[in-house]
Amino acid sequence: MTREDYIDAHIDAEPPALSALYRATHLGRLYPRMCSDNAQGRLLAMLVRMIRPGRILELGAFTGYSALAMAAAMPEGCTLDTVEIDSDYADELAATLAAGERGGDITLHIGDALELAPELCRSGRPVDLVFIDANKRHYHLYYKALLPLLPSGAFIIADNTLWSDKILNADSAGSDPQTAGIALFNDLVAADDSVEKIIIPLRDGLTIIRKK
């Protein structure tokens, strides 16, 4: 039994709709590893219940798993904006999100997160929770752009911050651009005294950041 199998056997069961979406992603999409799994989905849902945000912003929707996991845990009145750059599957993604139990509270935006996310933060209610799972090369740019726009007490959750452990020996001068981008982000966050931060070694690594 692997560590992942053991974890799955000792946490809440995957909701049927998310189980079906996870299977469909692995059968029909390239790079299915980009999809969140049940352990990550349960953690995101629990964090949403703990934080009780009024508005969530997600960067990188892929097939919609993480958005649906978070949306199902949102308090009444909370909304979720999710940004996805891949327009090829926009209709399929929109239909998947709309079919969720809180589909009416989810808004899909197709485009570049670097361009759309700051504008979304400036419009409407304050964003209390950001989930970053988009272009790894740009993590530090998302962070620099969004942190000043978030209220005190807001959270940022960044996925893939251990990057299959390649990050442990990353040399920003010689590593691949994605590894170098995550290394730059991790170093930036570590040196930022305006936030609290912790890396959780679940799956590919989740960094949880709280703005002071």
Protein backbone atom coordinates (compact mmCIF):
# COMPACT_ATOMS: atom_id res chain seq x y z
CA MET A 1 0.00 0.00 0.00
CA THR A 2 1.33 3.42 -0.91
CA ARG A 3 1.16 6.49 1.33
CA GLU A 4 -1.50 7.92 -1.00
CA ASP A 5 -3.59 4.74 -0.76
CA TYR A 6 -3.36 4.84 3.03
CA ILE A 7 -4.45 8.48 3.14
CA ASP A 8 -7.40 7.80 0.84
CA ALA A 9 -8.51 4.93 3.07
CA HIS A 10 -8.56 7.17 6.14
CA ILE A 11 -10.24 10.37 4.93
CA ASP A 12 -13.73 11.25 3.78
CA ALA A 13 -14.87 9.55 0.61
CA GLU A 14 -14.68 11.41 -2.67
CA PRO A 15 -18.05 12.91 -3.66
CA PRO A 16 -19.51 10.96 -6.61
CA ALA A 17 -19.53 13.95 -8.96
CA LEU A 18 -15.84 14.65 -8.29
CA SER A 19 -14.98 10.97 -8.64
CA ALA A 20 -16.63 10.92 -12.06
CA LEU A 21 -14.84 14.12 -13.08
CA TYR A 22 -11.48 12.75 -11.91
CA ARG A 23 -12.00 9.58 -13.96
CA ALA A 24 -13.14 11.50 -17.03
CA THR A 25 -10.09 13.77 -16.78
CA HIS A 26 -7.74 10.79 -16.73
CA LEU A 27 -9.50 9.13 -19.63
CA GLY A 28 -9.95 12.14 -21.89
CA ARG A 29 -7.36 14.83 -21.22
CA LEU A 30 -3.64 15.26 -21.69
CA TYR A 31 -1.62 15.77 -18.51
CA PRO A 32 -4.36 14.45 -16.18
CA ARG A 33 -1.96 14.76 -13.24
CA MET A 34 -2.82 18.46 -13.29
CA CYS A 35 -6.22 17.53 -11.82
CA SER A 36 -6.63 17.73 -8.06
CA ASP A 37 -7.41 14.47 -6.28
CA ASN A 38 -9.62 13.58 -3.35
CA ALA A 39 -7.05 14.33 -0.64
CA GLN A 40 -6.37 17.76 -2.04
CA GLY A 41 -10.04 18.38 -2.68
CA ARG A 42 -10.96 17.48 0.90
CA LEU A 43 -8.22 19.76 2.22
CA LEU A 44 -9.35 22.68 0.04
CA ALA A 45 -12.95 22.15 1.14
CA MET A 46 -11.95 22.07 4.80
CA LEU A 47 -9.88 25.24 4.44
CA VAL A 48 -12.84 27.00 2.83
CA ARG A 49 -15.05 25.94 5.73
CA MET A 50 -12.45 27.20 8.20
CA ILE A 51 -11.74 30.52 6.46
CA ARG A 52 -15.37 31.19 5.49
CA PRO A 53 -14.48 33.56 2.65
CA GLY A 54 -16.94 35.91 1.02
CA ARG A 55 -15.23 35.57 -2.35
CA ILE A 56 -12.73 33.11 -3.83
CA LEU A 57 -10.46 33.61 -6.84
CA GLU A 58 -8.92 30.58 -8.55
CA LEU A 59 -6.12 30.83 -11.10
CA GLY A 60 -6.10 27.72 -13.27
CA ALA A 61 -9.30 25.70 -13.46
CA PHE A 62 -8.20 22.82 -15.76
CA THR A 63 -11.26 20.52 -15.69
CA GLY A 64 -12.94 22.15 -12.70
CA TYR A 65 -12.19 19.69 -9.89
CA SER A 66 -10.70 22.15 -7.39
CA ALA A 67 -13.32 24.79 -8.13
CA LEU A 68 -16.16 22.36 -7.46
CA ALA A 69 -14.47 21.05 -4.30
CA MET A 70 -14.12 24.56 -2.90
CA ALA A 71 -17.54 25.73 -4.07
CA ALA A 72 -19.31 22.88 -2.28
CA ALA A 73 -17.83 24.13 1.01
CA MET A 74 -18.51 27.85 0.51
CA PRO A 75 -20.65 29.64 3.08
CA GLU A 76 -23.93 31.13 1.97
CA GLY A 77 -23.37 34.21 -0.17
CA CYS A 78 -19.80 33.33 -1.14
CA THR A 79 -18.89 33.37 -4.84
CA LEU A 80 -16.00 31.90 -6.80
CA ASP A 81 -14.30 33.35 -9.88
CA THR A 82 -12.07 30.94 -11.76
CA VAL A 83 -9.66 31.84 -14.56
CA GLU A 84 -8.58 29.33 -17.23
CA ILE A 85 -6.35 30.14 -20.18
CA ASP A 86 -7.23 27.10 -22.34
CA SER A 87 -10.15 28.16 -24.53
CA ASP A 88 -10.35 24.80 -26.35
CA TYR A 89 -12.35 23.23 -23.52
CA ALA A 90 -14.18 26.37 -22.38
CA ASP A 91 -17.69 25.10 -23.18
CA GLU A 92 -17.06 21.75 -21.52
CA LEU A 93 -15.60 23.42 -18.45
CA ALA A 94 -18.47 25.90 -18.20
CA ALA A 95 -20.99 23.04 -18.35
CA THR A 96 -19.10 21.10 -15.65
CA LEU A 97 -19.02 24.07 -13.30
CA ALA A 98 -22.66 24.96 -13.92
CA ALA A 99 -23.70 21.40 -13.05
CA GLY A 100 -22.12 21.63 -9.59
CA GLU A 101 -24.27 22.08 -6.50
CA ARG A 102 -23.12 25.71 -6.27
CA GLY A 103 -22.80 26.22 -10.00
CA GLY A 104 -24.76 29.46 -9.88
CA ASP A 105 -22.11 30.97 -7.61
CA ILE A 106 -19.18 30.13 -9.92
CA THR A 107 -18.09 32.45 -12.75
CA LEU A 108 -15.66 31.20 -15.38
CA HIS A 109 -13.26 33.64 -17.06
CA ILE A 110 -11.25 32.53 -20.10
CA GLY A 111 -7.94 34.31 -20.54
CA ASP A 112 -4.53 35.04 -19.07
CA ALA A 113 -4.57 35.10 -15.28
CA LEU A 114 -1.89 37.79 -15.18
CA GLU A 115 -4.23 40.11 -17.04
CA LEU A 116 -7.58 39.08 -15.57
CA ALA A 117 -6.82 38.38 -11.90
CA PRO A 118 -5.88 41.93 -10.81
CA GLU A 119 -8.98 43.33 -12.48
CA LEU A 120 -11.16 40.74 -10.79
CA CYS A 121 -9.63 41.66 -7.41
CA ARG A 122 -10.32 45.34 -8.00
CA SER A 123 -13.97 44.78 -8.96
CA GLY A 124 -16.77 43.63 -6.71
CA ARG A 125 -16.36 42.40 -3.17
CA PRO A 126 -12.90 41.82 -1.66
CA VAL A 127 -11.26 38.49 -2.42
CA ASP A 128 -10.59 36.59 0.81
CA LEU A 129 -9.06 33.44 -0.67
CA VAL A 130 -6.91 32.89 -3.75
CA PHE A 131 -6.01 29.44 -5.07
CA ILE A 132 -3.05 29.53 -7.48
CA ASP A 133 -2.65 26.57 -9.83
CA ALA A 134 -1.81 28.20 -13.14
CA ASN A 135 1.44 28.83 -15.06
CA LYS A 136 4.28 27.86 -12.70
CA ARG A 137 6.63 30.33 -14.39
CA HIS A 138 4.36 33.17 -13.27
CA TYR A 139 3.66 32.25 -9.64
CA HIS A 140 5.86 35.08 -8.34
CA LEU A 141 4.11 37.53 -10.68
CA TYR A 142 0.65 36.45 -9.50
CA TYR A 143 1.82 36.89 -5.92
CA LYS A 144 3.28 40.36 -6.47
CA ALA A 145 0.21 41.52 -8.39
CA LEU A 146 -2.47 40.16 -6.06
CA LEU A 147 -1.10 40.46 -2.52
CA PRO A 148 -1.44 44.28 -2.37
CA LEU A 149 -5.06 43.95 -3.55
CA LEU A 150 -6.10 41.52 -0.82
CA PRO A 151 -7.43 42.58 2.59
CA SER A 152 -5.60 41.78 5.81
CA GLY A 153 -6.43 38.25 6.88
CA ALA A 154 -6.84 37.02 3.31
CA PHE A 155 -5.34 33.67 2.31
CA ILE A 156 -3.39 32.51 -0.73
CA ILE A 157 -3.06 28.78 -1.38
CA ALA A 158 -0.47 27.82 -4.00
CA ASP A 159 -0.36 24.33 -5.51
CA ASN A 160 2.66 22.34 -6.73
CA THR A 161 5.18 24.20 -4.58
CA LEU A 162 7.30 21.06 -4.06
CA TRP A 163 7.09 20.20 -7.78
CA SER A 164 7.76 16.45 -7.55
CA ASP A 165 10.68 17.30 -5.23
CA LYS A 166 12.63 18.81 -8.12
CA ILE A 167 12.48 22.02 -6.14
CA LEU A 168 14.73 20.52 -3.45
CA ASN A 169 17.79 20.78 -5.69
CA ALA A 170 16.62 23.59 -7.94
CA ASP A 171 19.25 25.88 -9.37
CA SER A 172 17.41 28.89 -10.78
CA ALA A 173 20.21 29.42 -13.28
CA GLY A 174 20.12 25.91 -14.68
CA SER A 175 16.76 24.31 -13.91
CA ASP A 176 13.81 24.19 -16.26
CA PRO A 177 11.61 27.32 -16.39
CA GLN A 178 8.76 25.82 -14.34
CA THR A 179 11.04 24.63 -11.54
CA ALA A 180 12.87 27.95 -11.59
CA GLY A 181 9.56 29.81 -11.40
CA ILE A 182 8.39 27.86 -8.36
CA ALA A 183 11.79 28.28 -6.69
CA LEU A 184 11.54 32.03 -7.20
CA PHE A 185 8.02 32.07 -5.76
CA ASN A 186 8.99 29.98 -2.74
CA ASP A 187 11.97 32.21 -1.98
CA LEU A 188 9.86 35.34 -2.41
CA VAL A 189 7.21 34.12 0.02
CA ALA A 190 9.79 32.88 2.53
CA ALA A 191 11.39 36.34 2.67
CA ASP A 192 8.11 38.24 2.97
CA ASP A 193 7.48 39.32 6.56
CA SER A 194 4.05 40.69 5.67
CA VAL A 195 2.62 37.17 5.53
CA GLU A 196 2.47 33.96 7.54
CA LYS A 197 3.27 30.85 5.51
CA ILE A 198 3.50 27.07 5.73
CA ILE A 199 4.19 24.37 3.14
CA ILE A 200 2.11 21.22 3.50
CA PRO A 201 3.80 18.20 1.86
CA LEU A 202 0.54 16.76 0.56
CA ARG A 203 0.66 15.43 -2.99
CA ASP A 204 2.85 17.94 -4.90
CA GLY A 205 3.03 20.48 -2.10
CA LEU A 206 0.58 23.19 -1.01
CA THR A 207 1.75 26.51 0.40
CA ILE A 208 -0.77 28.28 2.62
CA ILE A 209 -0.17 32.00 3.03
CA ARG A 210 -2.03 34.45 5.27
CA LYS A 211 -1.69 38.19 4.81
CA LYS A 212 -1.08 39.87 8.16
